[in-house]
Amino acid sequence: MSLSPNDYDIVFIKDLCLSMSAGIYEHEKAAPQRVIVNIEMGVAVSAVPPLSIQDVVSYEDVTNEVIALSREQHFDLLETFVERIAALCFRDARVLCVYVRAEKPDIIDDTASVGVQIFRQRQG
């Protein structure tokens, strides 16, 4: 499926700052660190304008699910974490595509942050 920007609206979560256990090094496993998450979900455009919260993808619900995910286990790799975030976004059938970015702002000196960003599109 090929999407154009006319096919979807964007629901986003910007700069969600988490304190979580992530990384492969012992010092990263010893204490939680800041991870900043940004999500953009491409949501199918409805022929009918939304009238209630049930008609839209709730950024509050997604935010709470990401926070819960960040607390449930240690993630060796941010790549695993962002894939899990994408999967939880796709639980809502209206989400057609998603960008997920996770950054560690405190891990490498002389950088604002390092991290990973993915784009995933609903299959099938």
PDB file of N, CA and C in Angstrom:
ATOM      1  N   MET A   1       0.850  -1.166   0.000  1.00  0.00           N
ATOM      2  CA  MET A   1       0.000   0.000   0.000  1.00  0.00           C
ATOM      3  C   MET A   1       0.897   1.231   0.000  1.00  0.00           C
ATOM      4  N   SER A   2       0.631   2.113  -0.903  1.00  0.00           N
ATOM      5  CA  SER A   2       1.373   3.369  -0.982  1.00  0.00           C
ATOM      6  C   SER A   2       0.496   4.488  -0.436  1.00  0.00           C
ATOM      7  N   LEU A   3       1.044   5.230   0.509  1.00  0.00           N
ATOM      8  CA  LEU A   3       0.278   6.305   1.138  1.00  0.00           C
ATOM      9  C   LEU A   3       0.757   7.655   0.656  1.00  0.00           C
ATOM     10  N   SER A   4      -0.180   8.571   0.535  1.00  0.00           N
ATOM     11  CA  SER A   4       0.183   9.965   0.293  1.00  0.00           C
ATOM     12  C   SER A   4      -0.294  10.766   1.503  1.00  0.00           C
ATOM     13  N   PRO A   5       0.271  11.954   1.716  1.00  0.00           N
ATOM     14  CA  PRO A   5      -0.161  12.768   2.864  1.00  0.00           C
ATOM     15  C   PRO A   5      -1.650  13.103   2.868  1.00  0.00           C
ATOM     16  N   ASN A   6      -2.312  12.987   1.730  1.00  0.00           N
ATOM     17  CA  ASN A   6      -3.756  13.231   1.689  1.00  0.00           C
ATOM     18  C   ASN A   6      -4.562  12.087   2.294  1.00  0.00           C
ATOM     19  N   ASP A   7      -3.910  10.944   2.510  1.00  0.00           N
ATOM     20  CA  ASP A   7      -4.595   9.770   3.036  1.00  0.00           C
ATOM     21  C   ASP A   7      -4.726   9.780   4.555  1.00  0.00           C
ATOM     22  N   TYR A   8      -3.966  10.625   5.223  1.00  0.00           N
ATOM     23  CA  TYR A   8      -3.960  10.568   6.677  1.00  0.00           C
ATOM     24  C   TYR A   8      -3.710  11.933   7.313  1.00  0.00           C
ATOM     25  N   ASP A   9      -4.171  12.033   8.550  1.00  0.00           N
ATOM     26  CA  ASP A   9      -3.858  13.157   9.423  1.00  0.00           C
ATOM     27  C   ASP A   9      -2.783  12.674  10.398  1.00  0.00           C
ATOM     28  N   ILE A  10      -2.093  13.603  11.021  1.00  0.00           N
ATOM     29  CA  ILE A  10      -1.030  13.252  11.961  1.00  0.00           C
ATOM     30  C   ILE A  10      -1.503  13.488  13.393  1.00  0.00           C
ATOM     31  N   VAL A  11      -1.389  12.462  14.203  1.00  0.00           N
ATOM     32  CA  VAL A  11      -1.548  12.582  15.652  1.00  0.00           C
ATOM     33  C   VAL A  11      -0.149  12.394  16.217  1.00  0.00           C
ATOM     34  N   PHE A  12       0.311  13.346  17.038  1.00  0.00           N
ATOM     35  CA  PHE A  12       1.702  13.267  17.483  1.00  0.00           C
ATOM     36  C   PHE A  12       1.852  13.418  18.986  1.00  0.00           C
ATOM     37  N   ILE A  13       2.962  12.878  19.458  1.00  0.00           N
ATOM     38  CA  ILE A  13       3.414  13.030  20.844  1.00  0.00           C
ATOM     39  C   ILE A  13       4.839  13.544  20.733  1.00  0.00           C
ATOM     40  N   LYS A  14       5.092  14.717  21.293  1.00  0.00           N
ATOM     41  CA  LYS A  14       6.391  15.369  21.125  1.00  0.00           C
ATOM     42  C   LYS A  14       7.154  15.414  22.448  1.00  0.00           C
ATOM     43  N   ASP A  15       8.383  14.934  22.391  1.00  0.00           N
ATOM     44  CA  ASP A  15       9.339  15.055  23.496  1.00  0.00           C
ATOM     45  C   ASP A  15       8.826  14.474  24.811  1.00  0.00           C
ATOM     46  N   LEU A  16       8.284  13.264  24.745  1.00  0.00           N
ATOM     47  CA  LEU A  16       7.906  12.539  25.957  1.00  0.00           C
ATOM     48  C   LEU A  16       9.192  12.117  26.657  1.00  0.00           C
ATOM     49  N   CYS A  17       9.442  12.652  27.831  1.00  0.00           N
ATOM     50  CA  CYS A  17      10.692  12.392  28.549  1.00  0.00           C
ATOM     51  C   CYS A  17      10.458  11.286  29.575  1.00  0.00           C
ATOM     52  N   LEU A  18      11.119  10.159  29.345  1.00  0.00           N
ATOM     53  CA  LEU A  18      10.969   8.990  30.198  1.00  0.00           C
ATOM     54  C   LEU A  18      12.237   8.772  31.016  1.00  0.00           C
ATOM     55  N   SER A  19      12.088   8.198  32.174  1.00  0.00           N
ATOM     56  CA  SER A  19      13.220   7.710  32.955  1.00  0.00           C
ATOM     57  C   SER A  19      13.102   6.198  32.910  1.00  0.00           C
ATOM     58  N   MET A  20      14.048   5.552  32.211  1.00  0.00           N
ATOM     59  CA  MET A  20      13.894   4.119  31.977  1.00  0.00           C
ATOM     60  C   MET A  20      15.239   3.415  31.923  1.00  0.00           C
ATOM     61  N   SER A  21      15.180   2.108  31.980  1.00  0.00           N
ATOM     62  CA  SER A  21      16.374   1.278  31.902  1.00  0.00           C
ATOM     63  C   SER A  21      16.569   0.846  30.451  1.00  0.00           C
ATOM     64  N   ALA A  22      17.667   1.334  29.851  1.00  0.00           N
ATOM     65  CA  ALA A  22      17.931   1.024  28.443  1.00  0.00           C
ATOM     66  C   ALA A  22      19.421   1.084  28.181  1.00  0.00           C
ATOM     67  N   GLY A  23      19.929   0.088  27.464  1.00  0.00           N
ATOM     68  CA  GLY A  23      21.327   0.106  27.060  1.00  0.00           C
ATOM     69  C   GLY A  23      22.010  -1.223  27.309  1.00  0.00           C
ATOM     70  N   ILE A  24      23.133  -1.409  26.616  1.00  0.00           N
ATOM     71  CA  ILE A  24      23.862  -2.675  26.711  1.00  0.00           C
ATOM     72  C   ILE A  24      25.008  -2.640  27.718  1.00  0.00           C
ATOM     73  N   TYR A  25      25.399  -1.450  28.144  1.00  0.00           N
ATOM     74  CA  TYR A  25      26.543  -1.332  29.047  1.00  0.00           C
ATOM     75  C   TYR A  25      26.099  -1.419  30.504  1.00  0.00           C
ATOM     76  N   GLU A  26      27.004  -1.905  31.360  1.00  0.00           N
ATOM     77  CA  GLU A  26      26.669  -2.079  32.771  1.00  0.00           C
ATOM     78  C   GLU A  26      26.220  -0.774  33.422  1.00  0.00           C
ATOM     79  N   HIS A  27      26.886   0.345  33.093  1.00  0.00           N
ATOM     80  CA  HIS A  27      26.482   1.615  33.710  1.00  0.00           C
ATOM     81  C   HIS A  27      25.084   2.040  33.252  1.00  0.00           C
ATOM     82  N   GLU A  28      24.647   1.578  32.083  1.00  0.00           N
ATOM     83  CA  GLU A  28      23.291   1.884  31.617  1.00  0.00           C
ATOM     84  C   GLU A  28      22.258   1.000  32.310  1.00  0.00           C
ATOM     85  N   LYS A  29      22.686  -0.192  32.696  1.00  0.00           N
ATOM     86  CA  LYS A  29      21.787  -1.116  33.382  1.00  0.00           C
ATOM     87  C   LYS A  29      21.676  -0.802  34.869  1.00  0.00           C
ATOM     88  N   ALA A  30      22.663  -0.075  35.404  1.00  0.00           N
ATOM     89  CA  ALA A  30      22.720   0.189  36.843  1.00  0.00           C
ATOM     90  C   ALA A  30      21.707   1.224  37.309  1.00  0.00           C
ATOM     91  N   ALA A  31      21.362   2.152  36.437  1.00  0.00           N
ATOM     92  CA  ALA A  31      20.453   3.228  36.845  1.00  0.00           C
ATOM     93  C   ALA A  31      19.611   3.676  35.657  1.00  0.00           C
ATOM     94  N   PRO A  32      18.397   4.110  35.926  1.00  0.00           N
ATOM     95  CA  PRO A  32      17.564   4.629  34.831  1.00  0.00           C
ATOM     96  C   PRO A  32      18.210   5.846  34.177  1.00  0.00           C
ATOM     97  N   GLN A  33      17.891   6.063  32.921  1.00  0.00           N
ATOM     98  CA  GLN A  33      18.393   7.233  32.207  1.00  0.00           C
ATOM     99  C   GLN A  33      17.252   7.877  31.432  1.00  0.00           C
ATOM    100  N   ARG A  34      17.490   9.122  31.028  1.00  0.00           N
ATOM    101  CA  ARG A  34      16.472   9.824  30.247  1.00  0.00           C
ATOM    102  C   ARG A  34      16.441   9.290  28.822  1.00  0.00           C
ATOM    103  N   VAL A  35      15.247   9.033  28.349  1.00  0.00           N
ATOM    104  CA  VAL A  35      15.004   8.688  26.952  1.00  0.00           C
ATOM    105  C   VAL A  35      13.849   9.577  26.499  1.00  0.00           C
ATOM    106  N   ILE A  36      14.056  10.279  25.401  1.00  0.00           N
ATOM    107  CA  ILE A  36      13.036  11.176  24.866  1.00  0.00           C
ATOM    108  C   ILE A  36      12.412  10.518  23.645  1.00  0.00           C
ATOM    109  N   VAL A  37      11.088  10.441  23.650  1.00  0.00           N
ATOM    110  CA  VAL A  37      10.354   9.746  22.590  1.00  0.00           C
ATOM    111  C   VAL A  37       9.476  10.738  21.837  1.00  0.00           C
ATOM    112  N   ASN A  38       9.503  10.611  20.516  1.00  0.00           N
ATOM    113  CA  ASN A  38       8.613  11.363  19.636  1.00  0.00           C
ATOM    114  C   ASN A  38       7.894  10.370  18.734  1.00  0.00           C
ATOM    115  N   ILE A  39       6.600  10.575  18.595  1.00  0.00           N
ATOM    116  CA  ILE A  39       5.769   9.673  17.796  1.00  0.00           C
ATOM    117  C   ILE A  39       4.888  10.510  16.881  1.00  0.00           C
ATOM    118  N   GLU A  40       4.807  10.104  15.623  1.00  0.00           N
ATOM    119  CA  GLU A  40       3.841  10.672  14.682  1.00  0.00           C
ATOM    120  C   GLU A  40       3.073   9.517  14.069  1.00  0.00           C
ATOM    121  N   MET A  41       1.771   9.512  14.300  1.00  0.00           N
ATOM    122  CA  MET A  41       0.918   8.458  13.759  1.00  0.00           C
ATOM    123  C   MET A  41       0.103   9.013  12.605  1.00  0.00           C
ATOM    124  N   GLY A  42       0.192   8.364  11.450  1.00  0.00           N
ATOM    125  CA  GLY A  42      -0.650   8.715  10.315  1.00  0.00           C
ATOM    126  C   GLY A  42      -1.982   8.018  10.484  1.00  0.00           C
ATOM    127  N   VAL A  43      -3.028   8.801  10.713  1.00  0.00           N
ATOM    128  CA  VAL A  43      -4.350   8.260  11.028  1.00  0.00           C
ATOM    129  C   VAL A  43      -5.270   8.462   9.830  1.00  0.00           C
ATOM    130  N   ALA A  44      -5.967   7.403   9.448  1.00  0.00           N
ATOM    131  CA  ALA A  44      -6.863   7.450   8.291  1.00  0.00           C
ATOM    132  C   ALA A  44      -7.830   8.621   8.395  1.00  0.00           C
ATOM    133  N   VAL A  45      -7.961   9.340   7.289  1.00  0.00           N
ATOM    134  CA  VAL A  45      -8.901  10.456   7.223  1.00  0.00           C
ATOM    135  C   VAL A  45     -10.309   9.879   7.138  1.00  0.00           C
ATOM    136  N   SER A  46     -11.170  10.355   8.001  1.00  0.00           N
ATOM    137  CA  SER A  46     -12.552   9.885   8.025  1.00  0.00           C
ATOM    138  C   SER A  46     -13.416  10.775   7.142  1.00  0.00           C
ATOM    139  N   ALA A  47     -14.395  10.162   6.494  1.00  0.00           N
ATOM    140  CA  ALA A  47     -15.338  10.935   5.680  1.00  0.00           C
ATOM    141  C   ALA A  47     -16.259  11.772   6.561  1.00  0.00           C
ATOM    142  N   VAL A  48     -16.363  11.358   7.828  1.00  0.00           N
ATOM    143  CA  VAL A  48     -17.219  12.058   8.783  1.00  0.00           C
ATOM    144  C   VAL A  48     -16.329  12.742   9.819  1.00  0.00           C
ATOM    145  N   PRO A  49     -16.506  14.036  10.044  1.00  0.00           N
ATOM    146  CA  PRO A  49     -15.688  14.724  11.054  1.00  0.00           C
ATOM    147  C   PRO A  49     -15.887  14.105  12.440  1.00  0.00           C
ATOM    148  N   PRO A  50     -14.814  13.978  13.219  1.00  0.00           N
ATOM    149  CA  PRO A  50     -14.942  13.393  14.559  1.00  0.00           C
ATOM    150  C   PRO A  50     -15.799  14.268  15.471  1.00  0.00           C
ATOM    151  N   LEU A  51     -16.620  13.609  16.270  1.00  0.00           N
ATOM    152  CA  LEU A  51     -17.509  14.318  17.186  1.00  0.00           C
ATOM    153  C   LEU A  51     -17.221  13.998  18.651  1.00  0.00           C
ATOM    154  N   SER A  52     -16.517  12.891  18.897  1.00  0.00           N
ATOM    155  CA  SER A  52     -16.228  12.512  20.283  1.00  0.00           C
ATOM    156  C   SER A  52     -14.859  11.850  20.348  1.00  0.00           C
ATOM    157  N   ILE A  53     -14.390  11.625  21.560  1.00  0.00           N
ATOM    158  CA  ILE A  53     -13.078  11.013  21.769  1.00  0.00           C
ATOM    159  C   ILE A  53     -13.013   9.610  21.162  1.00  0.00           C
ATOM    160  N   GLN A  54     -14.139   8.917  21.092  1.00  0.00           N
ATOM    161  CA  GLN A  54     -14.151   7.580  20.490  1.00  0.00           C
ATOM    162  C   GLN A  54     -13.875   7.620  18.988  1.00  0.00           C
ATOM    163  N   ASP A  55     -14.020   8.785  18.383  1.00  0.00           N
ATOM    164  CA  ASP A  55     -13.826   8.935  16.941  1.00  0.00           C
ATOM    165  C   ASP A  55     -12.380   9.222  16.549  1.00  0.00           C
ATOM    166  N   VAL A  56     -11.497   9.359  17.538  1.00  0.00           N
ATOM    167  CA  VAL A  56     -10.113   9.747  17.244  1.00  0.00           C
ATOM    168  C   VAL A  56      -9.134   8.804  17.936  1.00  0.00           C
ATOM    169  N   VAL A  57      -7.897   8.805  17.455  1.00  0.00           N
ATOM    170  CA  VAL A  57      -6.813   8.101  18.138  1.00  0.00           C
ATOM    171  C   VAL A  57      -6.394   8.986  19.307  1.00  0.00           C
ATOM    172  N   SER A  58      -6.430   8.447  20.498  1.00  0.00           N
ATOM    173  CA  SER A  58      -6.162   9.224  21.706  1.00  0.00           C
ATOM    174  C   SER A  58      -4.666   9.303  21.990  1.00  0.00           C
ATOM    175  N   TYR A  59      -4.102  10.496  21.863  1.00  0.00           N
ATOM    176  CA  TYR A  59      -2.680  10.654  22.192  1.00  0.00           C
ATOM    177  C   TYR A  59      -2.446  10.434  23.678  1.00  0.00           C
ATOM    178  N   GLU A  60      -3.453  10.689  24.507  1.00  0.00           N
ATOM    179  CA  GLU A  60      -3.299  10.420  25.943  1.00  0.00           C
ATOM    180  C   GLU A  60      -3.149   8.925  26.201  1.00  0.00           C
ATOM    181  N   ASP A  61      -3.993   8.112  25.555  1.00  0.00           N
ATOM    182  CA  ASP A  61      -3.897   6.661  25.730  1.00  0.00           C
ATOM    183  C   ASP A  61      -2.553   6.134  25.242  1.00  0.00           C
ATOM    184  N   VAL A  62      -2.117   6.586  24.072  1.00  0.00           N
ATOM    185  CA  VAL A  62      -0.830   6.126  23.539  1.00  0.00           C
ATOM    186  C   VAL A  62       0.302   6.551  24.467  1.00  0.00           C
ATOM    187  N   THR A  63       0.265   7.781  24.953  1.00  0.00           N
ATOM    188  CA  THR A  63       1.293   8.256  25.884  1.00  0.00           C
ATOM    189  C   THR A  63       1.352   7.366  27.117  1.00  0.00           C
ATOM    190  N   ASN A  64       0.207   7.070  27.704  1.00  0.00           N
ATOM    191  CA  ASN A  64       0.171   6.226  28.899  1.00  0.00           C
ATOM    192  C   ASN A  64       0.686   4.818  28.614  1.00  0.00           C
ATOM    193  N   GLU A  65       0.389   4.285  27.435  1.00  0.00           N
ATOM    194  CA  GLU A  65       0.879   2.957  27.069  1.00  0.00           C
ATOM    195  C   GLU A  65       2.395   2.955  26.888  1.00  0.00           C
ATOM    196  N   VAL A  66       2.945   4.013  26.310  1.00  0.00           N
ATOM    197  CA  VAL A  66       4.402   4.106  26.140  1.00  0.00           C
ATOM    198  C   VAL A  66       5.081   4.222  27.505  1.00  0.00           C
ATOM    199  N   ILE A  67       4.515   5.019  28.396  1.00  0.00           N
ATOM    200  CA  ILE A  67       5.072   5.131  29.751  1.00  0.00           C
ATOM    201  C   ILE A  67       5.064   3.764  30.431  1.00  0.00           C
ATOM    202  N   ALA A  68       3.958   3.051  30.342  1.00  0.00           N
ATOM    203  CA  ALA A  68       3.870   1.715  30.945  1.00  0.00           C
ATOM    204  C   ALA A  68       4.893   0.769  30.325  1.00  0.00           C
ATOM    205  N   LEU A  69       5.036   0.800  29.013  1.00  0.00           N
ATOM    206  CA  LEU A  69       6.017  -0.036  28.326  1.00  0.00           C
ATOM    207  C   LEU A  69       7.426   0.261  28.819  1.00  0.00           C
ATOM    208  N   SER A  70       7.747   1.529  29.004  1.00  0.00           N
ATOM    209  CA  SER A  70       9.096   1.916  29.435  1.00  0.00           C
ATOM    210  C   SER A  70       9.416   1.409  30.833  1.00  0.00           C
ATOM    211  N   ARG A  71       8.394   1.118  31.613  1.00  0.00           N
ATOM    212  CA  ARG A  71       8.587   0.687  33.000  1.00  0.00           C
ATOM    213  C   ARG A  71       8.539  -0.821  33.177  1.00  0.00           C
ATOM    214  N   GLU A  72       8.123  -1.547  32.142  1.00  0.00           N
ATOM    215  CA  GLU A  72       7.881  -2.978  32.349  1.00  0.00           C
ATOM    216  C   GLU A  72       9.122  -3.849  32.250  1.00  0.00           C
ATOM    217  N   GLN A  73      10.207  -3.346  31.625  1.00  0.00           N
ATOM    218  CA  GLN A  73      11.404  -4.172  31.490  1.00  0.00           C
ATOM    219  C   GLN A  73      12.593  -3.313  31.084  1.00  0.00           C
ATOM    220  N   HIS A  74      13.781  -3.908  31.179  1.00  0.00           N
ATOM    221  CA  HIS A  74      14.987  -3.276  30.642  1.00  0.00           C
ATOM    222  C   HIS A  74      15.026  -3.555  29.142  1.00  0.00           C
ATOM    223  N   PHE A  75      15.404  -2.556  28.364  1.00  0.00           N
ATOM    224  CA  PHE A  75      15.586  -2.723  26.923  1.00  0.00           C
ATOM    225  C   PHE A  75      17.069  -2.577  26.616  1.00  0.00           C
ATOM    226  N   ASP A  76      17.695  -3.637  26.118  1.00  0.00           N
ATOM    227  CA  ASP A  76      19.099  -3.534  25.712  1.00  0.00           C
ATOM    228  C   ASP A  76      19.256  -2.522  24.589  1.00  0.00           C
ATOM    229  N   LEU A  77      18.322  -2.530  23.655  1.00  0.00           N
ATOM    230  CA  LEU A  77      18.431  -1.696  22.457  1.00  0.00           C
ATOM    231  C   LEU A  77      17.222  -0.773  22.314  1.00  0.00           C
ATOM    232  N   LEU A  78      17.489   0.478  21.974  1.00  0.00           N
ATOM    233  CA  LEU A  78      16.389   1.394  21.662  1.00  0.00           C
ATOM    234  C   LEU A  78      15.615   0.904  20.448  1.00  0.00           C
ATOM    235  N   GLU A  79      16.291   0.194  19.549  1.00  0.00           N
ATOM    236  CA  GLU A  79      15.627  -0.352  18.364  1.00  0.00           C
ATOM    237  C   GLU A  79      14.466  -1.269  18.760  1.00  0.00           C
ATOM    238  N   THR A  80      14.672  -2.083  19.786  1.00  0.00           N
ATOM    239  CA  THR A  80      13.604  -2.955  20.279  1.00  0.00           C
ATOM    240  C   THR A  80      12.471  -2.129  20.869  1.00  0.00           C
ATOM    241  N   PHE A  81      12.826  -1.119  21.645  1.00  0.00           N
ATOM    242  CA  PHE A  81      11.834  -0.258  22.283  1.00  0.00           C
ATOM    243  C   PHE A  81      10.959   0.441  21.244  1.00  0.00           C
ATOM    244  N   VAL A  82      11.558   1.030  20.206  1.00  0.00           N
ATOM    245  CA  VAL A  82      10.756   1.752  19.210  1.00  0.00           C
ATOM    246  C   VAL A  82       9.885   0.797  18.388  1.00  0.00           C
ATOM    247  N   GLU A  83      10.363  -0.410  18.133  1.00  0.00           N
ATOM    248  CA  GLU A  83       9.523  -1.394  17.430  1.00  0.00           C
ATOM    249  C   GLU A  83       8.302  -1.755  18.269  1.00  0.00           C
ATOM    250  N   ARG A  84       8.492  -1.886  19.571  1.00  0.00           N
ATOM    251  CA  ARG A  84       7.363  -2.186  20.465  1.00  0.00           C
ATOM    252  C   ARG A  84       6.370  -1.025  20.492  1.00  0.00           C
ATOM    253  N   ILE A  85       6.886   0.205  20.457  1.00  0.00           N
ATOM    254  CA  ILE A  85       5.997   1.371  20.412  1.00  0.00           C
ATOM    255  C   ILE A  85       5.187   1.368  19.119  1.00  0.00           C
ATOM    256  N   ALA A  86       5.851   1.103  17.996  1.00  0.00           N
ATOM    257  CA  ALA A  86       5.137   1.051  16.715  1.00  0.00           C
ATOM    258  C   ALA A  86       4.033  -0.001  16.764  1.00  0.00           C
ATOM    259  N   ALA A  87       4.345  -1.167  17.325  1.00  0.00           N
ATOM    260  CA  ALA A  87       3.349  -2.239  17.412  1.00  0.00           C
ATOM    261  C   ALA A  87       2.149  -1.820  18.249  1.00  0.00           C
ATOM    262  N   LEU A  88       2.390  -1.111  19.349  1.00  0.00           N
ATOM    263  CA  LEU A  88       1.238  -0.695  20.164  1.00  0.00           C
ATOM    264  C   LEU A  88       0.417   0.372  19.448  1.00  0.00           C
ATOM    265  N   CYS A  89       1.047   1.214  18.640  1.00  0.00           N
ATOM    266  CA  CYS A  89       0.294   2.197  17.848  1.00  0.00           C
ATOM    267  C   CYS A  89      -0.618   1.503  16.840  1.00  0.00           C
ATOM    268  N   PHE A  90      -0.130   0.417  16.235  1.00  0.00           N
ATOM    269  CA  PHE A  90      -0.905  -0.295  15.223  1.00  0.00           C
ATOM    270  C   PHE A  90      -2.055  -1.115  15.806  1.00  0.00           C
ATOM    271  N   ARG A  91      -2.151  -1.194  17.130  1.00  0.00           N
ATOM    272  CA  ARG A  91      -3.315  -1.875  17.720  1.00  0.00           C
ATOM    273  C   ARG A  91      -4.605  -1.137  17.379  1.00  0.00           C
ATOM    274  N   ASP A  92      -4.490   0.162  17.093  1.00  0.00           N
ATOM    275  CA  ASP A  92      -5.651   0.931  16.629  1.00  0.00           C
ATOM    276  C   ASP A  92      -5.677   0.838  15.107  1.00  0.00           C
ATOM    277  N   ALA A  93      -6.724   0.245  14.560  1.00  0.00           N
ATOM    278  CA  ALA A  93      -6.813  -0.009  13.116  1.00  0.00           C
ATOM    279  C   ALA A  93      -6.784   1.262  12.278  1.00  0.00           C
ATOM    280  N   ARG A  94      -7.050   2.408  12.880  1.00  0.00           N
ATOM    281  CA  ARG A  94      -7.041   3.668  12.132  1.00  0.00           C
ATOM    282  C   ARG A  94      -5.634   4.182  11.860  1.00  0.00           C
ATOM    283  N   VAL A  95      -4.642   3.643  12.572  1.00  0.00           N
ATOM    284  CA  VAL A  95      -3.255   4.072  12.363  1.00  0.00           C
ATOM    285  C   VAL A  95      -2.714   3.353  11.128  1.00  0.00           C
ATOM    286  N   LEU A  96      -2.363   4.124  10.112  1.00  0.00           N
ATOM    287  CA  LEU A  96      -1.870   3.577   8.845  1.00  0.00           C
ATOM    288  C   LEU A  96      -0.353   3.494   8.802  1.00  0.00           C
ATOM    289  N   CYS A  97       0.307   4.452   9.464  1.00  0.00           N
ATOM    290  CA  CYS A  97       1.763   4.487   9.473  1.00  0.00           C
ATOM    291  C   CYS A  97       2.216   5.219  10.727  1.00  0.00           C
ATOM    292  N   VAL A  98       3.480   5.010  11.082  1.00  0.00           N
ATOM    293  CA  VAL A  98       3.981   5.633  12.306  1.00  0.00           C
ATOM    294  C   VAL A  98       5.481   5.890  12.194  1.00  0.00           C
ATOM    295  N   TYR A  99       5.888   7.070  12.644  1.00  0.00           N
ATOM    296  CA  TYR A  99       7.292   7.384  12.887  1.00  0.00           C
ATOM    297  C   TYR A  99       7.491   7.312  14.393  1.00  0.00           C
ATOM    298  N   VAL A 100       8.547   6.651  14.813  1.00  0.00           N
ATOM    299  CA  VAL A 100       8.894   6.629  16.235  1.00  0.00           C
ATOM    300  C   VAL A 100      10.370   6.959  16.350  1.00  0.00           C
ATOM    301  N   ARG A 101      10.675   7.892  17.244  1.00  0.00           N
ATOM    302  CA  ARG A 101      12.057   8.309  17.479  1.00  0.00           C
ATOM    303  C   ARG A 101      12.317   8.214  18.973  1.00  0.00           C
ATOM    304  N   ALA A 102      13.439   7.600  19.355  1.00  0.00           N
ATOM    305  CA  ALA A 102      13.855   7.544  20.758  1.00  0.00           C
ATOM    306  C   ALA A 102      15.291   8.041  20.836  1.00  0.00           C
ATOM    307  N   GLU A 103      15.516   8.950  21.773  1.00  0.00           N
ATOM    308  CA  GLU A 103      16.826   9.586  21.909  1.00  0.00           C
ATOM    309  C   GLU A 103      17.330   9.475  23.342  1.00  0.00           C
ATOM    310  N   LYS A 104      18.639   9.313  23.463  1.00  0.00           N
ATOM    311  CA  LYS A 104      19.311   9.385  24.759  1.00  0.00           C
ATOM    312  C   LYS A 104      20.097  10.697  24.779  1.00  0.00           C
ATOM    313  N   PRO A 105      19.622  11.684  25.528  1.00  0.00           N
ATOM    314  CA  PRO A 105      20.296  12.983  25.508  1.00  0.00           C
ATOM    315  C   PRO A 105      21.541  13.066  26.390  1.00  0.00           C
ATOM    316  N   ASP A 106      21.725  12.111  27.279  1.00  0.00           N
ATOM    317  CA  ASP A 106      22.797  12.240  28.272  1.00  0.00           C
ATOM    318  C   ASP A 106      23.915  11.218  28.108  1.00  0.00           C
ATOM    319  N   ILE A 107      23.930  10.470  27.028  1.00  0.00           N
ATOM    320  CA  ILE A 107      24.811   9.302  26.962  1.00  0.00           C
ATOM    321  C   ILE A 107      26.169   9.571  26.317  1.00  0.00           C
ATOM    322  N   ILE A 108      26.245  10.466  25.350  1.00  0.00           N
ATOM    323  CA  ILE A 108      27.523  10.740  24.675  1.00  0.00           C
ATOM    324  C   ILE A 108      27.817  12.230  24.770  1.00  0.00           C
ATOM    325  N   ASP A 109      28.962  12.544  25.369  1.00  0.00           N
ATOM    326  CA  ASP A 109      29.380  13.945  25.487  1.00  0.00           C
ATOM    327  C   ASP A 109      29.467  14.597  24.114  1.00  0.00           C
ATOM    328  N   ASP A 110      29.268  15.886  24.099  1.00  0.00           N
ATOM    329  CA  ASP A 110      29.394  16.714  22.896  1.00  0.00           C
ATOM    330  C   ASP A 110      28.318  16.445  21.849  1.00  0.00           C
ATOM    331  N   THR A 111      27.237  15.776  22.257  1.00  0.00           N
ATOM    332  CA  THR A 111      26.081  15.617  21.365  1.00  0.00           C
ATOM    333  C   THR A 111      24.838  16.092  22.106  1.00  0.00           C
ATOM    334  N   ALA A 112      23.877  16.595  21.357  1.00  0.00           N
ATOM    335  CA  ALA A 112      22.588  16.934  21.972  1.00  0.00           C
ATOM    336  C   ALA A 112      21.848  15.657  22.349  1.00  0.00           C
ATOM    337  N   SER A 113      21.953  14.647  21.488  1.00  0.00           N
ATOM    338  CA  SER A 113      21.350  13.348  21.763  1.00  0.00           C
ATOM    339  C   SER A 113      21.784  12.368  20.683  1.00  0.00           C
ATOM    340  N   VAL A 114      21.590  11.098  20.983  1.00  0.00           N
ATOM    341  CA  VAL A 114      21.791  10.020  20.012  1.00  0.00           C
ATOM    342  C   VAL A 114      20.585   9.098  20.120  1.00  0.00           C
ATOM    343  N   GLY A 115      20.300   8.366  19.056  1.00  0.00           N
ATOM    344  CA  GLY A 115      19.152   7.483  19.140  1.00  0.00           C
ATOM    345  C   GLY A 115      18.815   6.829  17.828  1.00  0.00           C
ATOM    346  N   VAL A 116      17.557   6.470  17.706  1.00  0.00           N
ATOM    347  CA  VAL A 116      17.082   5.753  16.529  1.00  0.00           C
ATOM    348  C   VAL A 116      15.688   6.257  16.167  1.00  0.00           C
ATOM    349  N   GLN A 117      15.415   6.278  14.870  1.00  0.00           N
ATOM    350  CA  GLN A 117      14.092   6.650  14.364  1.00  0.00           C
ATOM    351  C   GLN A 117      13.676   5.618  13.332  1.00  0.00           C
ATOM    352  N   ILE A 118      12.423   5.197  13.405  1.00  0.00           N
ATOM    353  CA  ILE A 118      11.900   4.241  12.426  1.00  0.00           C
ATOM    354  C   ILE A 118      10.620   4.791  11.813  1.00  0.00           C
ATOM    355  N   PHE A 119      10.315   4.306  10.633  1.00  0.00           N
ATOM    356  CA  PHE A 119       9.025   4.537   9.983  1.00  0.00           C
ATOM    357  C   PHE A 119       8.462   3.170   9.661  1.00  0.00           C
ATOM    358  N   ARG A 120       7.235   2.925  10.071  1.00  0.00           N
ATOM    359  CA  ARG A 120       6.574   1.670   9.756  1.00  0.00           C
ATOM    360  C   ARG A 120       5.205   1.974   9.170  1.00  0.00           C
ATOM    361  N   GLN A 121       4.815   1.126   8.223  1.00  0.00           N
ATOM    362  CA  GLN A 121       3.530   1.263   7.554  1.00  0.00           C
ATOM    363  C   GLN A 121       2.738  -0.010   7.793  1.00  0.00           C
ATOM    364  N   ARG A 122       1.448   0.138   8.032  1.00  0.00           N
ATOM    365  CA  ARG A 122       0.598  -1.035   8.266  1.00  0.00           C
ATOM    366  C   ARG A 122       0.688  -1.969   7.061  1.00  0.00           C
ATOM    367  N   GLN A 123       0.849  -3.240   7.338  1.00  0.00           N
ATOM    368  CA  GLN A 123       0.926  -4.241   6.277  1.00  0.00           C
ATOM    369  C   GLN A 123      -0.444  -4.881   6.081  1.00  0.00           C
ATOM    370  N   GLY A 124      -0.786  -5.116   4.826  1.00  0.00           N
ATOM    371  CA  GLY A 124      -2.021  -5.823   4.506  1.00  0.00           C
ATOM    372  C   GLY A 124      -3.166  -4.950   4.498  1.00  0.00           C
TER     373      GLY A 124
END
